[in-house]
Amino acid sequence: METSGSNPPGGSAAWASWVAFAGIMLMLVGVFSVIAGLAAAFEDDYFVKGVSGGDIYLLSATAIGVIWIIIGVIKVWAGYALIQGRTWARLLGIALAFVHAVFDLATLTTQPFISLIFIAFNVTILYALTVRWEEAKTGMGD
């Protein structure tokens, strides 16, 4: 194994790969959010079964669907910017992953399998975006 060069094994290039992975995962979760938002916008009982009128707290399922479509588009945009090494995208990605994980915790009783998968995705994104950011930026060429 060759150790010469500017990026030693386990160094900044490895952390840059984690950030790129987080960007791709953020884009993927964003696409899934858009799909879930479309499902909720057109199917009133997508998120909550058995609630008359499809109301969730103070918002209708359609309103929740539109919100998730918008959030999904923002996630895709932030994920793309994250791959380019933008610091603002890191901060936005952290906020979006946190909010999505909390939302999935709230829907754990209605969709446990999907919620647990997305919580795991978001925790992985949070890990990749919060551990050794400066070292990752170095590996990305900034």
Protein backbone atom coordinates (compact mmCIF):
# COMPACT_ATOMS: atom_id res chain seq x y z
CA MET A 1 0.00 0.00 0.00
CA GLU A 2 1.43 3.31 -1.06
CA THR A 3 1.41 6.03 1.58
CA SER A 4 3.12 8.84 -0.27
CA GLY A 5 1.17 11.79 -1.61
CA SER A 6 -0.92 14.56 -0.19
CA ASN A 7 -3.79 12.37 1.03
CA PRO A 8 -2.63 9.65 3.44
CA PRO A 9 -4.93 6.67 4.07
CA GLY A 10 -7.71 7.67 6.43
CA GLY A 11 -6.88 11.33 5.89
CA SER A 12 -8.81 14.18 4.36
CA ALA A 13 -9.72 12.31 1.17
CA ALA A 14 -11.61 9.72 3.22
CA TRP A 15 -13.61 12.42 5.00
CA ALA A 16 -14.28 14.16 1.70
CA SER A 17 -15.78 10.88 0.52
CA TRP A 18 -18.06 10.86 3.57
CA VAL A 19 -19.27 14.38 2.72
CA ALA A 20 -19.86 13.37 -0.91
CA PHE A 21 -21.79 10.35 0.37
CA ALA A 22 -23.86 12.64 2.62
CA GLY A 23 -24.61 14.88 -0.36
CA ILE A 24 -25.77 11.95 -2.45
CA MET A 25 -27.85 10.59 0.44
CA LEU A 26 -29.37 14.03 1.01
CA MET A 27 -30.37 14.18 -2.65
CA LEU A 28 -31.82 10.66 -2.47
CA VAL A 29 -33.78 11.42 0.70
CA GLY A 30 -34.93 14.64 -1.00
CA VAL A 31 -36.33 12.66 -3.93
CA PHE A 32 -38.05 10.31 -1.47
CA SER A 33 -39.50 13.36 0.33
CA VAL A 34 -40.92 14.66 -2.94
CA ILE A 35 -42.50 11.26 -3.64
CA ALA A 36 -43.95 11.08 -0.11
CA GLY A 37 -45.20 14.65 -0.48
CA LEU A 38 -46.93 13.78 -3.75
CA ALA A 39 -48.50 10.72 -2.12
CA ALA A 40 -49.72 12.79 0.83
CA ALA A 41 -51.02 15.57 -1.43
CA PHE A 42 -53.14 13.16 -3.44
CA GLU A 43 -54.01 10.55 -0.77
CA ASP A 44 -55.45 12.09 2.39
CA ASP A 45 -54.75 9.11 4.66
CA TYR A 46 -51.14 8.51 3.54
CA PHE A 47 -49.60 9.67 6.84
CA VAL A 48 -52.42 8.92 9.27
CA LYS A 49 -54.91 6.10 8.88
CA GLY A 50 -58.41 6.44 10.24
CA VAL A 51 -58.47 10.19 10.86
CA SER A 52 -61.67 11.68 9.49
CA GLY A 53 -61.06 14.27 6.80
CA GLY A 54 -57.35 13.50 6.58
CA ASP A 55 -56.44 16.21 9.10
CA ILE A 56 -53.12 15.96 10.88
CA TYR A 57 -52.94 18.29 13.84
CA LEU A 58 -53.76 21.69 12.33
CA LEU A 59 -52.85 20.95 8.71
CA SER A 60 -54.51 18.80 6.10
CA ALA A 61 -52.64 15.92 4.50
CA THR A 62 -52.52 17.95 1.28
CA ALA A 63 -50.79 20.84 3.05
CA ILE A 64 -48.30 18.44 4.65
CA GLY A 65 -47.68 16.94 1.21
CA VAL A 66 -46.92 20.31 -0.33
CA ILE A 67 -44.56 21.15 2.54
CA TRP A 68 -42.67 17.86 2.00
CA ILE A 69 -42.44 18.48 -1.74
CA ILE A 70 -40.82 21.86 -1.05
CA ILE A 71 -38.50 20.40 1.60
CA GLY A 72 -37.55 17.58 -0.78
CA VAL A 73 -36.58 20.01 -3.52
CA ILE A 74 -34.48 21.98 -1.02
CA LYS A 75 -32.78 18.73 0.08
CA VAL A 76 -31.84 17.87 -3.50
CA TRP A 77 -30.47 21.39 -4.02
CA ALA A 78 -28.52 21.30 -0.73
CA GLY A 79 -27.14 17.85 -1.50
CA TYR A 80 -25.85 19.02 -4.87
CA ALA A 81 -24.22 22.08 -3.27
CA LEU A 82 -22.78 19.86 -0.54
CA ILE A 83 -20.98 17.73 -3.12
CA GLN A 84 -19.42 20.98 -4.36
CA GLY A 85 -18.12 21.66 -0.82
CA ARG A 86 -20.33 24.62 0.09
CA THR A 87 -20.32 25.35 3.83
CA TRP A 88 -23.86 26.77 3.78
CA ALA A 89 -25.05 23.47 2.28
CA ARG A 90 -23.51 21.63 5.21
CA LEU A 91 -25.42 23.75 7.70
CA LEU A 92 -28.65 23.44 5.71
CA GLY A 93 -28.11 19.67 5.36
CA ILE A 94 -27.67 19.31 9.11
CA ALA A 95 -30.89 21.24 9.76
CA LEU A 96 -32.87 19.30 7.13
CA ALA A 97 -31.62 15.90 8.32
CA PHE A 98 -32.44 16.82 11.92
CA VAL A 99 -35.98 18.00 11.06
CA HIS A 100 -36.61 14.94 8.90
CA ALA A 101 -35.43 12.57 11.67
CA VAL A 102 -37.73 14.26 14.19
CA PHE A 103 -40.65 14.06 11.75
CA ASP A 104 -39.95 10.37 11.19
CA LEU A 105 -39.89 9.82 14.94
CA ALA A 106 -43.36 11.41 15.07
CA THR A 107 -44.65 9.05 12.35
CA LEU A 108 -43.07 5.94 13.88
CA THR A 109 -46.44 4.52 14.95
CA THR A 110 -48.08 4.88 11.54
CA GLN A 111 -45.16 3.80 9.32
CA PRO A 112 -42.57 2.09 11.54
CA PHE A 113 -40.43 0.42 8.85
CA ILE A 114 -40.12 3.49 6.62
CA SER A 115 -39.61 5.77 9.62
CA LEU A 116 -36.76 3.65 11.00
CA ILE A 117 -35.05 3.53 7.60
CA PHE A 118 -35.22 7.30 7.22
CA ILE A 119 -34.06 7.90 10.78
CA ALA A 120 -31.01 5.74 9.99
CA PHE A 121 -30.40 7.65 6.72
CA ASN A 122 -30.63 10.99 8.50
CA VAL A 123 -28.36 9.94 11.37
CA THR A 124 -25.79 8.82 8.79
CA ILE A 125 -26.08 12.17 7.00
CA LEU A 126 -25.68 14.00 10.33
CA TYR A 127 -22.58 11.95 11.14
CA ALA A 128 -21.00 12.64 7.76
CA LEU A 129 -21.68 16.37 8.01
CA THR A 130 -20.57 16.93 11.58
CA VAL A 131 -17.40 14.84 11.92
CA ARG A 132 -14.11 16.42 10.77
CA TRP A 133 -15.60 19.02 8.42
CA GLU A 134 -12.36 21.00 8.05
CA GLU A 135 -10.42 17.87 7.17
CA ALA A 136 -13.11 16.94 4.62
CA LYS A 137 -12.96 20.38 3.03
CA THR A 138 -9.19 19.98 2.65
CA GLY A 139 -9.73 16.68 0.86
CA MET A 140 -12.32 18.31 -1.40
CA GLY A 141 -9.76 20.81 -2.63
CA ASP A 142 -10.87 23.93 -0.71
